[in-house]
Amino acid sequence: MHYVILRDDDTCALTPPACLERIYRPFLGRGMPVNLAMIPEVRTDVRTPDGRLEGYLTAGGAPDALLAPVGQASGLVSYLKAEPGFHIAQHGCHHDLFEFGGSDRNELAGRLERGADVLREAGFAQPAAFVAPYDRLSRAAFIEVASRFRVVSTGWFELRSVPARWWAPYALKKLGKRRHWRAGGEYLLSHPGCLLSFHRPHGGMLASVRRAVEGGTLTVLVSHWWEFFRGGLPDDKLISVIHEMAEWLASRPDVRVVSFGDVAGGRVPIN
């Protein structure tokens, strides 16, 4: 059996519910959970290293303040609560550039707590998983995150970043060439990159997804809702690709789509 986690990053107070509905209805309608890595209180002036506003800020609603807590988006919150197929992961706090790459544990803890408070105030349950903005986690961040979440989903793991007490299981992961691993009770999940992206040729995306899924027991597939609606305009070709992926997943009796909560509950083998 092959297991798949659908992880979509950057849902925030500016995300139009209609965008999520159009992208993910073929999954939700087939009973496939979709894990939304949600920015609790998005900072609305974040720019990429080349100076452009982040895509999740230009694809949705216009900001009216420097910080926008997700709870102020009542339409989005109501939509997500009404659809049991959506599962929430905490995606940083403000989504500053590399906001969890620092070494000040007090600051990191404060961001984690603030993010958790904002999600709770919006009516969401405590998430099982944490996703760091830009997949960047320092050693200090790992320590703080591990004390609050059962699952950490990121792109990769490096010895210089993982806590010293995890070095032995990390070495075993490297020797075994494993995608995912466990340490200190935590489930540590990597992913094969953003296979569903406008940066990739449309023609090869589904084949890349198939290879990734068939090549392991558990695969985390990462997407970003705003890439399907860059500048607020739908990319119909890219949307059609992800809908084809839903059809392929549904056609495979040896593939099961699961949530981060299933992993945290020990219901999914990770290697």
C-alpha atoms as a PDB file:
ATOM      1  CA  MET A   1       0.000   0.000   0.000  1.00  0.00           C
ATOM      2  CA  HIS A   2       1.188   3.521  -0.845  1.00  0.00           C
ATOM      3  CA  TYR A   3       0.079   6.447   1.335  1.00  0.00           C
ATOM      4  CA  VAL A   4      -0.179  10.073   0.224  1.00  0.00           C
ATOM      5  CA  ILE A   5      -0.470  13.291   2.204  1.00  0.00           C
ATOM      6  CA  LEU A   6      -1.774  16.313   0.292  1.00  0.00           C
ATOM      7  CA  ARG A   7      -0.175  19.408   1.836  1.00  0.00           C
ATOM      8  CA  ASP A   8      -1.221  22.818   0.530  1.00  0.00           C
ATOM      9  CA  ASP A   9       0.730  25.780   1.908  1.00  0.00           C
ATOM     10  CA  ASP A  10      -0.123  29.404   2.639  1.00  0.00           C
ATOM     11  CA  THR A  11      -3.843  29.503   3.338  1.00  0.00           C
ATOM     12  CA  CYS A  12      -4.337  32.733   5.304  1.00  0.00           C
ATOM     13  CA  ALA A  13      -6.811  35.515   5.987  1.00  0.00           C
ATOM     14  CA  LEU A  14      -6.463  36.720   2.382  1.00  0.00           C
ATOM     15  CA  THR A  15      -7.292  33.364   0.744  1.00  0.00           C
ATOM     16  CA  PRO A  16     -10.619  33.329  -1.133  1.00  0.00           C
ATOM     17  CA  PRO A  17     -12.612  30.196  -0.245  1.00  0.00           C
ATOM     18  CA  ALA A  18     -13.595  29.856  -3.903  1.00  0.00           C
ATOM     19  CA  CYS A  19      -9.952  29.196  -4.817  1.00  0.00           C
ATOM     20  CA  LEU A  20      -9.658  26.285  -2.405  1.00  0.00           C
ATOM     21  CA  GLU A  21     -13.037  24.974  -3.507  1.00  0.00           C
ATOM     22  CA  ARG A  22     -12.107  24.928  -7.184  1.00  0.00           C
ATOM     23  CA  ILE A  23      -8.718  23.300  -6.634  1.00  0.00           C
ATOM     24  CA  TYR A  24      -9.680  20.659  -4.091  1.00  0.00           C
ATOM     25  CA  ARG A  25     -13.330  19.718  -4.672  1.00  0.00           C
ATOM     26  CA  PRO A  26     -12.313  16.668  -6.776  1.00  0.00           C
ATOM     27  CA  PHE A  27     -10.314  15.422  -3.782  1.00  0.00           C
ATOM     28  CA  LEU A  28     -12.836  16.306  -1.101  1.00  0.00           C
ATOM     29  CA  GLY A  29     -15.671  14.812  -3.120  1.00  0.00           C
ATOM     30  CA  ARG A  30     -13.813  11.506  -3.214  1.00  0.00           C
ATOM     31  CA  GLY A  31     -13.203  11.505   0.524  1.00  0.00           C
ATOM     32  CA  MET A  32      -9.527  12.445   0.277  1.00  0.00           C
ATOM     33  CA  PRO A  33      -8.290  14.668   3.137  1.00  0.00           C
ATOM     34  CA  VAL A  34      -6.492  17.899   2.234  1.00  0.00           C
ATOM     35  CA  ASN A  35      -4.023  19.283   4.762  1.00  0.00           C
ATOM     36  CA  LEU A  36      -3.908  23.078   4.691  1.00  0.00           C
ATOM     37  CA  ALA A  37      -0.725  24.560   6.145  1.00  0.00           C
ATOM     38  CA  MET A  38      -2.348  27.735   7.487  1.00  0.00           C
ATOM     39  CA  ILE A  39      -0.568  30.983   8.300  1.00  0.00           C
ATOM     40  CA  PRO A  40      -2.220  32.045  11.576  1.00  0.00           C
ATOM     41  CA  GLU A  41      -1.564  35.796  11.394  1.00  0.00           C
ATOM     42  CA  VAL A  42      -0.081  36.626   8.036  1.00  0.00           C
ATOM     43  CA  ARG A  43       2.253  39.585   7.650  1.00  0.00           C
ATOM     44  CA  THR A  44       1.058  41.466   4.585  1.00  0.00           C
ATOM     45  CA  ASP A  45       4.318  43.040   3.417  1.00  0.00           C
ATOM     46  CA  VAL A  46       6.494  39.931   3.038  1.00  0.00           C
ATOM     47  CA  ARG A  47       8.622  39.947  -0.077  1.00  0.00           C
ATOM     48  CA  THR A  48      10.683  37.296  -1.814  1.00  0.00           C
ATOM     49  CA  PRO A  49      14.479  37.781  -2.028  1.00  0.00           C
ATOM     50  CA  ASP A  50      14.037  39.436  -5.444  1.00  0.00           C
ATOM     51  CA  GLY A  51      11.747  42.103  -3.934  1.00  0.00           C
ATOM     52  CA  ARG A  52       8.334  40.881  -5.079  1.00  0.00           C
ATOM     53  CA  LEU A  53       5.364  40.543  -2.760  1.00  0.00           C
ATOM     54  CA  GLU A  54       4.706  36.919  -1.904  1.00  0.00           C
ATOM     55  CA  GLY A  55       2.206  35.190  -4.182  1.00  0.00           C
ATOM     56  CA  TYR A  56      -0.253  34.424  -1.394  1.00  0.00           C
ATOM     57  CA  LEU A  57      -0.541  38.199  -0.852  1.00  0.00           C
ATOM     58  CA  THR A  58      -1.303  39.055  -4.479  1.00  0.00           C
ATOM     59  CA  ALA A  59      -3.592  36.145  -5.396  1.00  0.00           C
ATOM     60  CA  GLY A  60      -6.331  36.882  -2.876  1.00  0.00           C
ATOM     61  CA  GLY A  61      -7.938  39.734  -1.006  1.00  0.00           C
ATOM     62  CA  ALA A  62      -6.250  43.085  -0.474  1.00  0.00           C
ATOM     63  CA  PRO A  63      -4.728  43.592   2.987  1.00  0.00           C
ATOM     64  CA  ASP A  64      -5.779  46.535   5.128  1.00  0.00           C
ATOM     65  CA  ALA A  65      -3.272  46.111   7.971  1.00  0.00           C
ATOM     66  CA  LEU A  66       0.269  44.875   8.541  1.00  0.00           C
ATOM     67  CA  LEU A  67      -0.950  41.711  10.273  1.00  0.00           C
ATOM     68  CA  ALA A  68      -4.089  39.788   9.320  1.00  0.00           C
ATOM     69  CA  PRO A  69      -5.243  37.028  11.721  1.00  0.00           C
ATOM     70  CA  VAL A  70      -7.135  34.255   9.978  1.00  0.00           C
ATOM     71  CA  GLY A  71     -10.083  34.688  12.321  1.00  0.00           C
ATOM     72  CA  GLN A  72     -10.977  37.994  10.676  1.00  0.00           C
ATOM     73  CA  ALA A  73     -11.777  36.107   7.452  1.00  0.00           C
ATOM     74  CA  SER A  74     -15.151  34.846   8.623  1.00  0.00           C
ATOM     75  CA  GLY A  75     -16.140  33.508   5.216  1.00  0.00           C
ATOM     76  CA  LEU A  76     -12.986  31.431   4.925  1.00  0.00           C
ATOM     77  CA  VAL A  77     -13.281  30.130   8.481  1.00  0.00           C
ATOM     78  CA  SER A  78     -16.926  29.134   7.983  1.00  0.00           C
ATOM     79  CA  TYR A  79     -16.107  27.394   4.715  1.00  0.00           C
ATOM     80  CA  LEU A  80     -13.256  25.378   6.228  1.00  0.00           C
ATOM     81  CA  LYS A  81     -15.258  24.354   9.289  1.00  0.00           C
ATOM     82  CA  ALA A  82     -18.129  23.178   7.090  1.00  0.00           C
ATOM     83  CA  GLU A  83     -15.866  20.851   5.094  1.00  0.00           C
ATOM     84  CA  PRO A  84     -14.550  17.926   7.192  1.00  0.00           C
ATOM     85  CA  GLY A  85     -12.069  16.982   4.474  1.00  0.00           C
ATOM     86  CA  PHE A  86      -9.859  19.948   5.305  1.00  0.00           C
ATOM     87  CA  HIS A  87      -7.278  19.412   8.057  1.00  0.00           C
ATOM     88  CA  ILE A  88      -5.278  22.324   9.460  1.00  0.00           C
ATOM     89  CA  ALA A  89      -1.528  22.366  10.092  1.00  0.00           C
ATOM     90  CA  GLN A  90       0.181  25.381  11.669  1.00  0.00           C
ATOM     91  CA  HIS A  91       2.332  27.167   9.089  1.00  0.00           C
ATOM     92  CA  GLY A  92       4.585  29.381  11.160  1.00  0.00           C
ATOM     93  CA  CYS A  93       3.000  32.466  12.663  1.00  0.00           C
ATOM     94  CA  HIS A  94       3.392  35.524  10.409  1.00  0.00           C
ATOM     95  CA  HIS A  95       5.276  33.813   7.543  1.00  0.00           C
ATOM     96  CA  ASP A  96       8.153  36.249   7.731  1.00  0.00           C
ATOM     97  CA  LEU A  97      11.108  35.288   5.554  1.00  0.00           C
ATOM     98  CA  PHE A  98      12.768  32.327   7.332  1.00  0.00           C
ATOM     99  CA  GLU A  99      10.952  33.220  10.557  1.00  0.00           C
ATOM    100  CA  PHE A 100      11.918  29.889  12.151  1.00  0.00           C
ATOM    101  CA  GLY A 101      15.556  29.993  11.106  1.00  0.00           C
ATOM    102  CA  GLY A 102      16.792  31.921  14.165  1.00  0.00           C
ATOM    103  CA  SER A 103      18.402  30.787  17.402  1.00  0.00           C
ATOM    104  CA  ASP A 104      16.480  32.801  20.036  1.00  0.00           C
ATOM    105  CA  ARG A 105      14.281  30.171  21.676  1.00  0.00           C
ATOM    106  CA  ASN A 106      12.188  32.745  23.525  1.00  0.00           C
ATOM    107  CA  GLU A 107      11.319  34.500  20.289  1.00  0.00           C
ATOM    108  CA  LEU A 108      10.602  31.197  18.532  1.00  0.00           C
ATOM    109  CA  ALA A 109       8.422  30.013  21.407  1.00  0.00           C
ATOM    110  CA  GLY A 110       6.549  33.313  21.346  1.00  0.00           C
ATOM    111  CA  ARG A 111       5.783  32.941  17.649  1.00  0.00           C
ATOM    112  CA  LEU A 112       4.600  29.372  18.118  1.00  0.00           C
ATOM    113  CA  GLU A 113       2.339  30.362  20.992  1.00  0.00           C
ATOM    114  CA  ARG A 114       0.989  33.382  19.168  1.00  0.00           C
ATOM    115  CA  GLY A 115       0.193  31.267  16.124  1.00  0.00           C
ATOM    116  CA  ALA A 116      -1.529  28.646  18.254  1.00  0.00           C
ATOM    117  CA  ASP A 117      -3.572  31.329  20.041  1.00  0.00           C
ATOM    118  CA  VAL A 118      -4.737  32.855  16.747  1.00  0.00           C
ATOM    119  CA  LEU A 119      -5.844  29.487  15.388  1.00  0.00           C
ATOM    120  CA  ARG A 120      -7.645  28.667  18.627  1.00  0.00           C
ATOM    121  CA  GLU A 121      -9.376  32.053  18.667  1.00  0.00           C
ATOM    122  CA  ALA A 122     -10.607  31.345  15.124  1.00  0.00           C
ATOM    123  CA  GLY A 123     -12.158  28.116  16.381  1.00  0.00           C
ATOM    124  CA  PHE A 124      -9.679  25.585  15.012  1.00  0.00           C
ATOM    125  CA  ALA A 125      -8.473  22.619  17.045  1.00  0.00           C
ATOM    126  CA  GLN A 126      -4.825  22.191  17.986  1.00  0.00           C
ATOM    127  CA  PRO A 127      -3.070  20.976  14.808  1.00  0.00           C
ATOM    128  CA  ALA A 128      -1.118  17.736  14.809  1.00  0.00           C
ATOM    129  CA  ALA A 129       1.511  19.081  12.405  1.00  0.00           C
ATOM    130  CA  PHE A 130       3.806  22.053  11.976  1.00  0.00           C
ATOM    131  CA  VAL A 131       5.089  23.339   8.649  1.00  0.00           C
ATOM    132  CA  ALA A 132       7.852  25.949   8.727  1.00  0.00           C
ATOM    133  CA  PRO A 133       7.696  28.807   6.229  1.00  0.00           C
ATOM    134  CA  TYR A 134      10.138  28.123   3.389  1.00  0.00           C
ATOM    135  CA  ASP A 135      10.825  24.720   5.006  1.00  0.00           C
ATOM    136  CA  ARG A 136      13.498  26.407   7.134  1.00  0.00           C
ATOM    137  CA  LEU A 137      13.980  25.229  10.728  1.00  0.00           C
ATOM    138  CA  SER A 138      16.944  25.960  12.967  1.00  0.00           C
ATOM    139  CA  ARG A 139      18.058  23.609  15.738  1.00  0.00           C
ATOM    140  CA  ALA A 140      16.429  25.888  18.307  1.00  0.00           C
ATOM    141  CA  ALA A 141      13.213  25.874  16.277  1.00  0.00           C
ATOM    142  CA  PHE A 142      13.188  22.089  16.100  1.00  0.00           C
ATOM    143  CA  ILE A 143      13.437  21.922  19.884  1.00  0.00           C
ATOM    144  CA  GLU A 144      10.533  24.318  20.389  1.00  0.00           C
ATOM    145  CA  VAL A 145       8.371  22.786  17.675  1.00  0.00           C
ATOM    146  CA  ALA A 146       8.964  19.235  18.926  1.00  0.00           C
ATOM    147  CA  SER A 147       7.610  20.183  22.355  1.00  0.00           C
ATOM    148  CA  ARG A 148       4.278  21.200  20.800  1.00  0.00           C
ATOM    149  CA  PHE A 149       3.612  19.048  17.706  1.00  0.00           C
ATOM    150  CA  ARG A 150       3.742  15.316  16.934  1.00  0.00           C
ATOM    151  CA  VAL A 151       4.492  15.829  13.226  1.00  0.00           C
ATOM    152  CA  VAL A 152       6.989  18.103  11.487  1.00  0.00           C
ATOM    153  CA  SER A 153       6.696  18.367   7.699  1.00  0.00           C
ATOM    154  CA  THR A 154       9.608  19.965   5.870  1.00  0.00           C
ATOM    155  CA  GLY A 155      11.670  19.608   2.721  1.00  0.00           C
ATOM    156  CA  TRP A 156      14.858  18.166   4.144  1.00  0.00           C
ATOM    157  CA  PHE A 157      16.844  17.536   7.310  1.00  0.00           C
ATOM    158  CA  GLU A 158      20.465  18.495   8.002  1.00  0.00           C
ATOM    159  CA  LEU A 159      22.734  17.407  10.853  1.00  0.00           C
ATOM    160  CA  ARG A 160      23.569  21.015  11.696  1.00  0.00           C
ATOM    161  CA  SER A 161      19.887  21.758  12.267  1.00  0.00           C
ATOM    162  CA  VAL A 162      18.521  18.752  14.148  1.00  0.00           C
ATOM    163  CA  PRO A 163      18.875  18.603  17.967  1.00  0.00           C
ATOM    164  CA  ALA A 164      21.900  16.679  19.224  1.00  0.00           C
ATOM    165  CA  ARG A 165      19.651  14.176  20.980  1.00  0.00           C
ATOM    166  CA  TRP A 166      18.303  13.184  17.548  1.00  0.00           C
ATOM    167  CA  TRP A 167      21.679  12.502  15.951  1.00  0.00           C
ATOM    168  CA  ALA A 168      21.531   8.707  16.396  1.00  0.00           C
ATOM    169  CA  PRO A 169      18.125   8.254  14.681  1.00  0.00           C
ATOM    170  CA  TYR A 170      19.188  10.821  12.093  1.00  0.00           C
ATOM    171  CA  ALA A 171      22.269   8.720  11.289  1.00  0.00           C
ATOM    172  CA  LEU A 172      20.070   5.652  10.871  1.00  0.00           C
ATOM    173  CA  LYS A 173      17.784   7.617   8.551  1.00  0.00           C
ATOM    174  CA  LYS A 174      20.751   8.641   6.406  1.00  0.00           C
ATOM    175  CA  LEU A 175      22.225   5.146   6.320  1.00  0.00           C
ATOM    176  CA  GLY A 176      18.869   3.673   5.404  1.00  0.00           C
ATOM    177  CA  LYS A 177      18.207   6.406   2.819  1.00  0.00           C
ATOM    178  CA  ARG A 178      14.773   6.943   4.328  1.00  0.00           C
ATOM    179  CA  ARG A 179      12.417   9.749   3.359  1.00  0.00           C
ATOM    180  CA  HIS A 180      10.913   9.956   6.833  1.00  0.00           C
ATOM    181  CA  TRP A 181      12.041   9.115  10.353  1.00  0.00           C
ATOM    182  CA  ARG A 182      11.139   9.260  14.039  1.00  0.00           C
ATOM    183  CA  ALA A 183      12.992  10.831  16.953  1.00  0.00           C
ATOM    184  CA  GLY A 184      11.915  11.603  20.509  1.00  0.00           C
ATOM    185  CA  GLY A 185       8.338  10.614  19.722  1.00  0.00           C
ATOM    186  CA  GLU A 186       8.181  12.961  16.724  1.00  0.00           C
ATOM    187  CA  TYR A 187       7.276  12.007  13.172  1.00  0.00           C
ATOM    188  CA  LEU A 188       9.655  13.848  10.837  1.00  0.00           C
ATOM    189  CA  LEU A 189       8.451  13.924   7.245  1.00  0.00           C
ATOM    190  CA  SER A 190      10.257  15.164   4.156  1.00  0.00           C
ATOM    191  CA  HIS A 191       8.853  15.751   0.680  1.00  0.00           C
ATOM    192  CA  PRO A 192      10.195  15.452  -2.884  1.00  0.00           C
ATOM    193  CA  GLY A 193       9.840  19.154  -3.699  1.00  0.00           C
ATOM    194  CA  CYS A 194       6.872  21.015  -5.142  1.00  0.00           C
ATOM    195  CA  LEU A 195       5.928  18.680  -7.996  1.00  0.00           C
ATOM    196  CA  LEU A 196       2.730  20.635  -8.722  1.00  0.00           C
ATOM    197  CA  SER A 197       3.939  24.118  -9.637  1.00  0.00           C
ATOM    198  CA  PHE A 198       3.790  26.618 -12.478  1.00  0.00           C
ATOM    199  CA  HIS A 199       7.597  26.490 -12.433  1.00  0.00           C
ATOM    200  CA  ARG A 200       7.441  22.963 -13.898  1.00  0.00           C
ATOM    201  CA  PRO A 201       6.349  21.845 -17.391  1.00  0.00           C
ATOM    202  CA  HIS A 202       2.692  20.857 -17.285  1.00  0.00           C
ATOM    203  CA  GLY A 203       3.292  17.745 -19.354  1.00  0.00           C
ATOM    204  CA  GLY A 204       5.614  16.087 -16.859  1.00  0.00           C
ATOM    205  CA  MET A 205       3.910  16.875 -13.557  1.00  0.00           C
ATOM    206  CA  LEU A 206       1.602  13.886 -13.292  1.00  0.00           C
ATOM    207  CA  ALA A 207       4.403  11.500 -14.244  1.00  0.00           C
ATOM    208  CA  SER A 208       6.578  13.010 -11.509  1.00  0.00           C
ATOM    209  CA  VAL A 209       3.793  12.540  -8.977  1.00  0.00           C
ATOM    210  CA  ARG A 210       3.326   8.926 -10.020  1.00  0.00           C
ATOM    211  CA  ARG A 211       7.028   8.163  -9.659  1.00  0.00           C
ATOM    212  CA  ALA A 212       7.152   9.769  -6.231  1.00  0.00           C
ATOM    213  CA  VAL A 213       4.084   7.913  -4.945  1.00  0.00           C
ATOM    214  CA  GLU A 214       5.078   4.546  -6.374  1.00  0.00           C
ATOM    215  CA  GLY A 215       8.642   4.934  -5.107  1.00  0.00           C
ATOM    216  CA  GLY A 216       7.834   4.923  -1.392  1.00  0.00           C
ATOM    217  CA  THR A 217       5.413   3.940   1.349  1.00  0.00           C
ATOM    218  CA  LEU A 218       4.430   7.527   2.257  1.00  0.00           C
ATOM    219  CA  THR A 219       4.708  10.590   0.024  1.00  0.00           C
ATOM    220  CA  VAL A 220       3.975  14.185   0.991  1.00  0.00           C
ATOM    221  CA  LEU A 221       2.792  16.113  -2.078  1.00  0.00           C
ATOM    222  CA  VAL A 222       3.162  19.874  -1.646  1.00  0.00           C
ATOM    223  CA  SER A 223       1.221  22.527  -3.525  1.00  0.00           C
ATOM    224  CA  HIS A 224       0.438  26.231  -3.021  1.00  0.00           C
ATOM    225  CA  TRP A 225      -3.122  27.388  -3.662  1.00  0.00           C
ATOM    226  CA  TRP A 226      -1.970  30.761  -4.954  1.00  0.00           C
ATOM    227  CA  GLU A 227       0.097  29.213  -7.752  1.00  0.00           C
ATOM    228  CA  PHE A 228      -3.198  28.139  -9.315  1.00  0.00           C
ATOM    229  CA  PHE A 229      -4.491  31.741  -9.095  1.00  0.00           C
ATOM    230  CA  ARG A 230      -1.458  33.944  -9.640  1.00  0.00           C
ATOM    231  CA  GLY A 231      -2.431  37.593  -9.492  1.00  0.00           C
ATOM    232  CA  GLY A 232      -6.000  36.475  -8.784  1.00  0.00           C
ATOM    233  CA  LEU A 233      -6.434  34.834 -12.200  1.00  0.00           C
ATOM    234  CA  PRO A 234      -7.014  31.076 -12.552  1.00  0.00           C
ATOM    235  CA  ASP A 235      -4.386  28.984 -14.315  1.00  0.00           C
ATOM    236  CA  ASP A 236      -6.779  26.556 -15.959  1.00  0.00           C
ATOM    237  CA  LYS A 237      -4.048  24.271 -17.278  1.00  0.00           C
ATOM    238  CA  LEU A 238      -2.418  23.878 -13.876  1.00  0.00           C
ATOM    239  CA  ILE A 239      -5.796  23.323 -12.229  1.00  0.00           C
ATOM    240  CA  SER A 240      -6.577  20.614 -14.783  1.00  0.00           C
ATOM    241  CA  VAL A 241      -3.329  18.835 -13.882  1.00  0.00           C
ATOM    242  CA  ILE A 242      -4.152  18.641 -10.186  1.00  0.00           C
ATOM    243  CA  HIS A 243      -7.659  17.436 -11.045  1.00  0.00           C
ATOM    244  CA  GLU A 244      -6.113  14.701 -13.200  1.00  0.00           C
ATOM    245  CA  MET A 245      -4.015  13.777 -10.180  1.00  0.00           C
ATOM    246  CA  ALA A 246      -7.185  13.375  -8.119  1.00  0.00           C
ATOM    247  CA  GLU A 247      -8.570  11.007 -10.732  1.00  0.00           C
ATOM    248  CA  TRP A 248      -5.346   8.990 -10.784  1.00  0.00           C
ATOM    249  CA  LEU A 249      -5.215   8.701  -7.006  1.00  0.00           C
ATOM    250  CA  ALA A 250      -8.832   7.559  -6.924  1.00  0.00           C
ATOM    251  CA  SER A 251      -8.173   4.956  -9.625  1.00  0.00           C
ATOM    252  CA  ARG A 252      -5.419   3.247  -7.650  1.00  0.00           C
ATOM    253  CA  PRO A 253      -6.687   0.676  -5.111  1.00  0.00           C
ATOM    254  CA  ASP A 254      -3.139   0.473  -3.715  1.00  0.00           C
ATOM    255  CA  VAL A 255      -3.020   4.196  -2.866  1.00  0.00           C
ATOM    256  CA  ARG A 256      -4.633   5.779   0.176  1.00  0.00           C
ATOM    257  CA  VAL A 257      -4.723   9.535   0.856  1.00  0.00           C
ATOM    258  CA  VAL A 258      -4.292  10.309   4.565  1.00  0.00           C
ATOM    259  CA  SER A 259      -3.905  13.256   6.925  1.00  0.00           C
ATOM    260  CA  PHE A 260      -1.111  14.416   9.204  1.00  0.00           C
ATOM    261  CA  GLY A 261      -3.420  13.400  12.031  1.00  0.00           C
ATOM    262  CA  ASP A 262      -3.370   9.820  10.762  1.00  0.00           C
ATOM    263  CA  VAL A 263       0.429   9.876  10.983  1.00  0.00           C
ATOM    264  CA  ALA A 264       0.372  11.429  14.476  1.00  0.00           C
ATOM    265  CA  GLY A 265      -2.030   8.713  15.580  1.00  0.00           C
ATOM    266  CA  GLY A 266       0.314   5.964  14.384  1.00  0.00           C
ATOM    267  CA  ARG A 267      -2.153   4.765  11.757  1.00  0.00           C
ATOM    268  CA  VAL A 268       0.229   5.159   8.798  1.00  0.00           C
ATOM    269  CA  PRO A 269       3.625   3.483   8.250  1.00  0.00           C
ATOM    270  CA  ILE A 270       6.145   6.181   7.439  1.00  0.00           C
ATOM    271  CA  ASN A 271       8.843   4.095   5.714  1.00  0.00           C
END
